[in-house]
Amino acid sequence: MLIKVGDKVAINTRSLLPREGVITDISLGLVKSDPAGELGINVQEYDTDMNYVGSIGYKTDSGENYWAYFDQIESMI
């Protein structure tokens, strides 16, 4: 799945309903010890089929900021 900053996504939060938000940043992990990509690079778009580890930052419609690993992205909205 190709994700880009500005895309709206549904995130699996392991609760009953997914949380929705707009991607604000995308971080790629470049070493195994950095699964969220905090020490890696930030990109504007990323194809999750590349299978890098990393995370996104996203903002909900109510203005709350969260982050999620790539594998928590359920779908594009």
PDB file of N, CA and C in Angstrom:
ATOM      1  N   MET A   1       0.845  -1.163   0.000  1.00  0.00           N
ATOM      2  CA  MET A   1       0.000   0.000   0.000  1.00  0.00           C
ATOM      3  C   MET A   1       0.899   1.238   0.000  1.00  0.00           C
ATOM      4  N   LEU A   2       0.626   2.161  -0.873  1.00  0.00           N
ATOM      5  CA  LEU A   2       1.369   3.416  -0.936  1.00  0.00           C
ATOM      6  C   LEU A   2       0.712   4.410   0.021  1.00  0.00           C
ATOM      7  N   ILE A   3       1.481   4.894   0.979  1.00  0.00           N
ATOM      8  CA  ILE A   3       0.974   5.903   1.910  1.00  0.00           C
ATOM      9  C   ILE A   3       1.756   7.192   1.695  1.00  0.00           C
ATOM     10  N   LYS A   4       1.065   8.309   1.919  1.00  0.00           N
ATOM     11  CA  LYS A   4       1.675   9.630   1.739  1.00  0.00           C
ATOM     12  C   LYS A   4       1.257  10.535   2.880  1.00  0.00           C
ATOM     13  N   VAL A   5       2.108  11.490   3.203  1.00  0.00           N
ATOM     14  CA  VAL A   5       1.726  12.527   4.153  1.00  0.00           C
ATOM     15  C   VAL A   5       0.471  13.211   3.589  1.00  0.00           C
ATOM     16  N   GLY A   6      -0.550  13.366   4.418  1.00  0.00           N
ATOM     17  CA  GLY A   6      -1.812  13.967   3.999  1.00  0.00           C
ATOM     18  C   GLY A   6      -2.906  12.954   3.729  1.00  0.00           C
ATOM     19  N   ASP A   7      -2.548  11.653   3.607  1.00  0.00           N
ATOM     20  CA  ASP A   7      -3.556  10.604   3.411  1.00  0.00           C
ATOM     21  C   ASP A   7      -4.321  10.360   4.702  1.00  0.00           C
ATOM     22  N   LYS A   8      -5.606  10.019   4.567  1.00  0.00           N
ATOM     23  CA  LYS A   8      -6.406   9.647   5.728  1.00  0.00           C
ATOM     24  C   LYS A   8      -6.396   8.128   5.842  1.00  0.00           C
ATOM     25  N   VAL A   9      -6.142   7.635   7.068  1.00  0.00           N
ATOM     26  CA  VAL A   9      -6.018   6.198   7.300  1.00  0.00           C
ATOM     27  C   VAL A   9      -6.837   5.771   8.516  1.00  0.00           C
ATOM     28  N   ALA A  10      -7.141   4.474   8.558  1.00  0.00           N
ATOM     29  CA  ALA A  10      -7.759   3.846   9.726  1.00  0.00           C
ATOM     30  C   ALA A  10      -6.680   3.014  10.396  1.00  0.00           C
ATOM     31  N   ILE A  11      -6.530   3.177  11.713  1.00  0.00           N
ATOM     32  CA  ILE A  11      -5.464   2.531  12.476  1.00  0.00           C
ATOM     33  C   ILE A  11      -6.062   1.523  13.451  1.00  0.00           C
ATOM     34  N   ASN A  12      -5.504   0.314  13.461  1.00  0.00           N
ATOM     35  CA  ASN A  12      -5.910  -0.711  14.413  1.00  0.00           C
ATOM     36  C   ASN A  12      -5.269  -0.383  15.755  1.00  0.00           C
ATOM     37  N   THR A  13      -6.096  -0.017  16.724  1.00  0.00           N
ATOM     38  CA  THR A  13      -5.604   0.319  18.064  1.00  0.00           C
ATOM     39  C   THR A  13      -5.881  -0.810  19.041  1.00  0.00           C
ATOM     40  N   ARG A  14      -6.279  -1.948  18.522  1.00  0.00           N
ATOM     41  CA  ARG A  14      -6.632  -3.133  19.311  1.00  0.00           C
ATOM     42  C   ARG A  14      -7.840  -2.889  20.193  1.00  0.00           C
ATOM     43  N   SER A  15      -8.643  -1.893  19.848  1.00  0.00           N
ATOM     44  CA  SER A  15      -9.913  -1.670  20.528  1.00  0.00           C
ATOM     45  C   SER A  15     -11.026  -2.031  19.548  1.00  0.00           C
ATOM     46  N   LEU A  16     -12.241  -1.805  19.929  1.00  0.00           N
ATOM     47  CA  LEU A  16     -13.382  -2.213  19.127  1.00  0.00           C
ATOM     48  C   LEU A  16     -13.390  -1.568  17.740  1.00  0.00           C
ATOM     49  N   LEU A  17     -13.155  -0.273  17.686  1.00  0.00           N
ATOM     50  CA  LEU A  17     -13.176   0.447  16.418  1.00  0.00           C
ATOM     51  C   LEU A  17     -11.801   1.014  16.097  1.00  0.00           C
ATOM     52  N   PRO A  18     -11.461   1.067  14.812  1.00  0.00           N
ATOM     53  CA  PRO A  18     -10.179   1.693  14.457  1.00  0.00           C
ATOM     54  C   PRO A  18     -10.226   3.198  14.688  1.00  0.00           C
ATOM     55  N   ARG A  19      -9.065   3.803  14.880  1.00  0.00           N
ATOM     56  CA  ARG A  19      -8.964   5.259  15.016  1.00  0.00           C
ATOM     57  C   ARG A  19      -8.593   5.808  13.644  1.00  0.00           C
ATOM     58  N   GLU A  20      -9.238   6.884  13.235  1.00  0.00           N
ATOM     59  CA  GLU A  20      -8.971   7.491  11.931  1.00  0.00           C
ATOM     60  C   GLU A  20      -8.180   8.775  12.109  1.00  0.00           C
ATOM     61  N   GLY A  21      -7.312   9.044  11.131  1.00  0.00           N
ATOM     62  CA  GLY A  21      -6.551  10.270  11.175  1.00  0.00           C
ATOM     63  C   GLY A  21      -5.816  10.521   9.873  1.00  0.00           C
ATOM     64  N   VAL A  22      -5.222  11.686   9.783  1.00  0.00           N
ATOM     65  CA  VAL A  22      -4.467  12.097   8.601  1.00  0.00           C
ATOM     66  C   VAL A  22      -2.977  11.981   8.916  1.00  0.00           C
ATOM     67  N   ILE A  23      -2.232  11.333   8.028  1.00  0.00           N
ATOM     68  CA  ILE A  23      -0.799  11.135   8.225  1.00  0.00           C
ATOM     69  C   ILE A  23      -0.078  12.486   8.205  1.00  0.00           C
ATOM     70  N   THR A  24       0.716  12.729   9.252  1.00  0.00           N
ATOM     71  CA  THR A  24       1.488  13.974   9.352  1.00  0.00           C
ATOM     72  C   THR A  24       2.968  13.747   9.079  1.00  0.00           C
ATOM     73  N   ASP A  25       3.457  12.519   9.322  1.00  0.00           N
ATOM     74  CA  ASP A  25       4.848  12.208   9.024  1.00  0.00           C
ATOM     75  C   ASP A  25       5.022  10.701   8.897  1.00  0.00           C
ATOM     76  N   ILE A  26       6.072  10.306   8.182  1.00  0.00           N
ATOM     77  CA  ILE A  26       6.402   8.907   7.953  1.00  0.00           C
ATOM     78  C   ILE A  26       7.880   8.733   8.273  1.00  0.00           C
ATOM     79  N   SER A  27       8.189   7.782   9.177  1.00  0.00           N
ATOM     80  CA  SER A  27       9.571   7.529   9.589  1.00  0.00           C
ATOM     81  C   SER A  27       9.945   6.092   9.257  1.00  0.00           C
ATOM     82  N   LEU A  28      11.119   5.909   8.658  1.00  0.00           N
ATOM     83  CA  LEU A  28      11.617   4.577   8.323  1.00  0.00           C
ATOM     84  C   LEU A  28      12.743   4.200   9.270  1.00  0.00           C
ATOM     85  N   GLY A  29      12.646   2.994   9.824  1.00  0.00           N
ATOM     86  CA  GLY A  29      13.717   2.471  10.655  1.00  0.00           C
ATOM     87  C   GLY A  29      14.786   1.861   9.767  1.00  0.00           C
ATOM     88  N   LEU A  30      16.035   2.141  10.066  1.00  0.00           N
ATOM     89  CA  LEU A  30      17.139   1.646   9.254  1.00  0.00           C
ATOM     90  C   LEU A  30      17.989   0.602   9.968  1.00  0.00           C
ATOM     91  N   VAL A  31      17.717   0.377  11.248  1.00  0.00           N
ATOM     92  CA  VAL A  31      18.399  -0.665  12.015  1.00  0.00           C
ATOM     93  C   VAL A  31      17.362  -1.427  12.837  1.00  0.00           C
ATOM     94  N   LYS A  32      17.638  -2.694  13.148  1.00  0.00           N
ATOM     95  CA  LYS A  32      16.674  -3.537  13.862  1.00  0.00           C
ATOM     96  C   LYS A  32      16.300  -2.988  15.229  1.00  0.00           C
ATOM     97  N   SER A  33      17.210  -2.280  15.856  1.00  0.00           N
ATOM     98  CA  SER A  33      16.949  -1.756  17.197  1.00  0.00           C
ATOM     99  C   SER A  33      16.071  -0.501  17.192  1.00  0.00           C
ATOM    100  N   ASP A  34      15.602  -0.073  16.027  1.00  0.00           N
ATOM    101  CA  ASP A  34      14.779   1.142  15.899  1.00  0.00           C
ATOM    102  C   ASP A  34      13.507   0.827  15.109  1.00  0.00           C
ATOM    103  N   PRO A  35      12.599  -0.002  15.662  1.00  0.00           N
ATOM    104  CA  PRO A  35      11.427  -0.434  14.894  1.00  0.00           C
ATOM    105  C   PRO A  35      10.444   0.682  14.543  1.00  0.00           C
ATOM    106  N   ALA A  36      10.451   1.781  15.285  1.00  0.00           N
ATOM    107  CA  ALA A  36       9.545   2.888  14.981  1.00  0.00           C
ATOM    108  C   ALA A  36      10.167   3.915  14.038  1.00  0.00           C
ATOM    109  N   GLY A  37      11.463   3.787  13.760  1.00  0.00           N
ATOM    110  CA  GLY A  37      12.119   4.725  12.858  1.00  0.00           C
ATOM    111  C   GLY A  37      12.470   6.057  13.483  1.00  0.00           C
ATOM    112  N   GLU A  38      12.530   6.110  14.791  1.00  0.00           N
ATOM    113  CA  GLU A  38      12.846   7.371  15.464  1.00  0.00           C
ATOM    114  C   GLU A  38      14.225   7.905  15.111  1.00  0.00           C
ATOM    115  N   LEU A  39      15.160   6.998  14.833  1.00  0.00           N
ATOM    116  CA  LEU A  39      16.526   7.399  14.489  1.00  0.00           C
ATOM    117  C   LEU A  39      16.773   7.330  12.990  1.00  0.00           C
ATOM    118  N   GLY A  40      15.750   6.928  12.241  1.00  0.00           N
ATOM    119  CA  GLY A  40      15.885   6.740  10.800  1.00  0.00           C
ATOM    120  C   GLY A  40      15.632   8.025  10.031  1.00  0.00           C
ATOM    121  N   ILE A  41      15.019   7.872   8.879  1.00  0.00           N
ATOM    122  CA  ILE A  41      14.762   9.035   8.022  1.00  0.00           C
ATOM    123  C   ILE A  41      13.265   9.292   7.912  1.00  0.00           C
ATOM    124  N   ASN A  42      12.914  10.532   7.651  1.00  0.00           N
ATOM    125  CA  ASN A  42      11.528  10.912   7.400  1.00  0.00           C
ATOM    126  C   ASN A  42      11.337  11.057   5.900  1.00  0.00           C
ATOM    127  N   VAL A  43      10.214  10.537   5.403  1.00  0.00           N
ATOM    128  CA  VAL A  43       9.905  10.600   3.978  1.00  0.00           C
ATOM    129  C   VAL A  43       8.494  11.140   3.786  1.00  0.00           C
ATOM    130  N   GLN A  44       8.190  11.569   2.582  1.00  0.00           N
ATOM    131  CA  GLN A  44       6.862  12.102   2.269  1.00  0.00           C
ATOM    132  C   GLN A  44       5.895  11.018   1.802  1.00  0.00           C
ATOM    133  N   GLU A  45       6.443   9.924   1.243  1.00  0.00           N
ATOM    134  CA  GLU A  45       5.607   8.799   0.839  1.00  0.00           C
ATOM    135  C   GLU A  45       6.406   7.511   0.966  1.00  0.00           C
ATOM    136  N   TYR A  46       5.669   6.403   1.107  1.00  0.00           N
ATOM    137  CA  TYR A  46       6.328   5.115   1.315  1.00  0.00           C
ATOM    138  C   TYR A  46       5.391   3.998   0.877  1.00  0.00           C
ATOM    139  N   ASP A  47       5.943   2.995   0.193  1.00  0.00           N
ATOM    140  CA  ASP A  47       5.189   1.819  -0.215  1.00  0.00           C
ATOM    141  C   ASP A  47       5.446   0.734   0.826  1.00  0.00           C
ATOM    142  N   THR A  48       4.426   0.380   1.598  1.00  0.00           N
ATOM    143  CA  THR A  48       4.607  -0.583   2.681  1.00  0.00           C
ATOM    144  C   THR A  48       5.001  -1.970   2.171  1.00  0.00           C
ATOM    145  N   ASP A  49       4.834  -2.241   0.879  1.00  0.00           N
ATOM    146  CA  ASP A  49       5.286  -3.517   0.310  1.00  0.00           C
ATOM    147  C   ASP A  49       6.811  -3.637   0.328  1.00  0.00           C
ATOM    148  N   MET A  50       7.518  -2.542   0.604  1.00  0.00           N
ATOM    149  CA  MET A  50       8.982  -2.571   0.700  1.00  0.00           C
ATOM    150  C   MET A  50       9.430  -3.273   1.986  1.00  0.00           C
ATOM    151  N   ASN A  51       8.508  -3.381   2.949  1.00  0.00           N
ATOM    152  CA  ASN A  51       8.738  -4.111   4.209  1.00  0.00           C
ATOM    153  C   ASN A  51       9.812  -3.538   5.128  1.00  0.00           C
ATOM    154  N   TYR A  52      10.008  -2.236   5.092  1.00  0.00           N
ATOM    155  CA  TYR A  52      10.857  -1.597   6.102  1.00  0.00           C
ATOM    156  C   TYR A  52      10.063  -1.511   7.404  1.00  0.00           C
ATOM    157  N   VAL A  53      10.758  -1.432   8.517  1.00  0.00           N
ATOM    158  CA  VAL A  53      10.081  -1.128   9.773  1.00  0.00           C
ATOM    159  C   VAL A  53       9.961   0.384   9.854  1.00  0.00           C
ATOM    160  N   GLY A  54       9.023   0.847  10.650  1.00  0.00           N
ATOM    161  CA  GLY A  54       8.847   2.281  10.802  1.00  0.00           C
ATOM    162  C   GLY A  54       7.468   2.608  11.327  1.00  0.00           C
ATOM    163  N   SER A  55       7.137   3.880  11.262  1.00  0.00           N
ATOM    164  CA  SER A  55       5.876   4.335  11.835  1.00  0.00           C
ATOM    165  C   SER A  55       5.386   5.592  11.121  1.00  0.00           C
ATOM    166  N   ILE A  56       4.142   5.903  11.422  1.00  0.00           N
ATOM    167  CA  ILE A  56       3.554   7.158  10.959  1.00  0.00           C
ATOM    168  C   ILE A  56       3.106   7.965  12.168  1.00  0.00           C
ATOM    169  N   GLY A  57       3.114   9.267  12.016  1.00  0.00           N
ATOM    170  CA  GLY A  57       2.429  10.151  12.936  1.00  0.00           C
ATOM    171  C   GLY A  57       1.130  10.533  12.255  1.00  0.00           C
ATOM    172  N   TYR A  58       0.060  10.670  13.033  1.00  0.00           N
ATOM    173  CA  TYR A  58      -1.206  11.065  12.427  1.00  0.00           C
ATOM    174  C   TYR A  58      -2.027  11.905  13.397  1.00  0.00           C
ATOM    175  N   LYS A  59      -2.938  12.692  12.820  1.00  0.00           N
ATOM    176  CA  LYS A  59      -3.764  13.605  13.594  1.00  0.00           C
ATOM    177  C   LYS A  59      -5.224  13.277  13.344  1.00  0.00           C
ATOM    178  N   THR A  60      -5.999  13.133  14.415  1.00  0.00           N
ATOM    179  CA  THR A  60      -7.424  12.821  14.293  1.00  0.00           C
ATOM    180  C   THR A  60      -8.217  14.086  13.950  1.00  0.00           C
ATOM    181  N   ASP A  61      -9.473  13.884  13.584  1.00  0.00           N
ATOM    182  CA  ASP A  61     -10.340  15.023  13.284  1.00  0.00           C
ATOM    183  C   ASP A  61     -10.527  15.933  14.495  1.00  0.00           C
ATOM    184  N   SER A  62     -10.383  15.368  15.703  1.00  0.00           N
ATOM    185  CA  SER A  62     -10.538  16.182  16.917  1.00  0.00           C
ATOM    186  C   SER A  62      -9.227  16.875  17.323  1.00  0.00           C
ATOM    187  N   GLY A  63      -8.167  16.700  16.502  1.00  0.00           N
ATOM    188  CA  GLY A  63      -6.919  17.410  16.734  1.00  0.00           C
ATOM    189  C   GLY A  63      -5.908  16.683  17.613  1.00  0.00           C
ATOM    190  N   GLU A  64      -6.188  15.419  17.968  1.00  0.00           N
ATOM    191  CA  GLU A  64      -5.253  14.660  18.789  1.00  0.00           C
ATOM    192  C   GLU A  64      -4.169  14.039  17.916  1.00  0.00           C
ATOM    193  N   ASN A  65      -2.931  14.046  18.399  1.00  0.00           N
ATOM    194  CA  ASN A  65      -1.795  13.473  17.668  1.00  0.00           C
ATOM    195  C   ASN A  65      -1.433  12.107  18.241  1.00  0.00           C
ATOM    196  N   TYR A  66      -1.232  11.144  17.347  1.00  0.00           N
ATOM    197  CA  TYR A  66      -0.852   9.782  17.721  1.00  0.00           C
ATOM    198  C   TYR A  66       0.213   9.286  16.756  1.00  0.00           C
ATOM    199  N   TRP A  67       0.747   8.098  17.032  1.00  0.00           N
ATOM    200  CA  TRP A  67       1.640   7.438  16.098  1.00  0.00           C
ATOM    201  C   TRP A  67       1.259   5.966  16.063  1.00  0.00           C
ATOM    202  N   ALA A  68       1.674   5.284  14.991  1.00  0.00           N
ATOM    203  CA  ALA A  68       1.377   3.859  14.823  1.00  0.00           C
ATOM    204  C   ALA A  68       2.454   3.218  13.954  1.00  0.00           C
ATOM    205  N   TYR A  69       2.722   1.940  14.226  1.00  0.00           N
ATOM    206  CA  TYR A  69       3.606   1.171  13.343  1.00  0.00           C
ATOM    207  C   TYR A  69       2.904   0.940  12.009  1.00  0.00           C
ATOM    208  N   PHE A  70       3.685   0.695  10.965  1.00  0.00           N
ATOM    209  CA  PHE A  70       3.108   0.455   9.637  1.00  0.00           C
ATOM    210  C   PHE A  70       2.082  -0.673   9.651  1.00  0.00           C
ATOM    211  N   ASP A  71       2.354  -1.743  10.413  1.00  0.00           N
ATOM    212  CA  ASP A  71       1.441  -2.882  10.388  1.00  0.00           C
ATOM    213  C   ASP A  71       0.125  -2.630  11.117  1.00  0.00           C
ATOM    214  N   GLN A  72      -0.017  -1.481  11.757  1.00  0.00           N
ATOM    215  CA  GLN A  72      -1.281  -1.120  12.392  1.00  0.00           C
ATOM    216  C   GLN A  72      -2.218  -0.391  11.424  1.00  0.00           C
ATOM    217  N   ILE A  73      -1.731  -0.016  10.254  1.00  0.00           N
ATOM    218  CA  ILE A  73      -2.581   0.667   9.268  1.00  0.00           C
ATOM    219  C   ILE A  73      -3.537  -0.353   8.679  1.00  0.00           C
ATOM    220  N   GLU A  74      -4.840  -0.182   8.928  1.00  0.00           N
ATOM    221  CA  GLU A  74      -5.838  -1.115   8.404  1.00  0.00           C
ATOM    222  C   GLU A  74      -6.218  -0.794   6.974  1.00  0.00           C
ATOM    223  N   SER A  75      -6.425   0.498   6.702  1.00  0.00           N
ATOM    224  CA  SER A  75      -6.865   0.869   5.352  1.00  0.00           C
ATOM    225  C   SER A  75      -6.706   2.365   5.129  1.00  0.00           C
ATOM    226  N   MET A  76      -6.783   2.721   3.861  1.00  0.00           N
ATOM    227  CA  MET A  76      -6.843   4.128   3.460  1.00  0.00           C
ATOM    228  C   MET A  76      -8.319   4.501   3.445  1.00  0.00           C
ATOM    229  N   ILE A  77      -8.601   5.740   3.758  1.00  0.00           N
ATOM    230  CA  ILE A  77     -10.007   6.194   3.777  1.00  0.00           C
ATOM    231  C   ILE A  77     -10.196   7.227   2.674  1.00  0.00           C
TER     232      ILE A  77
END
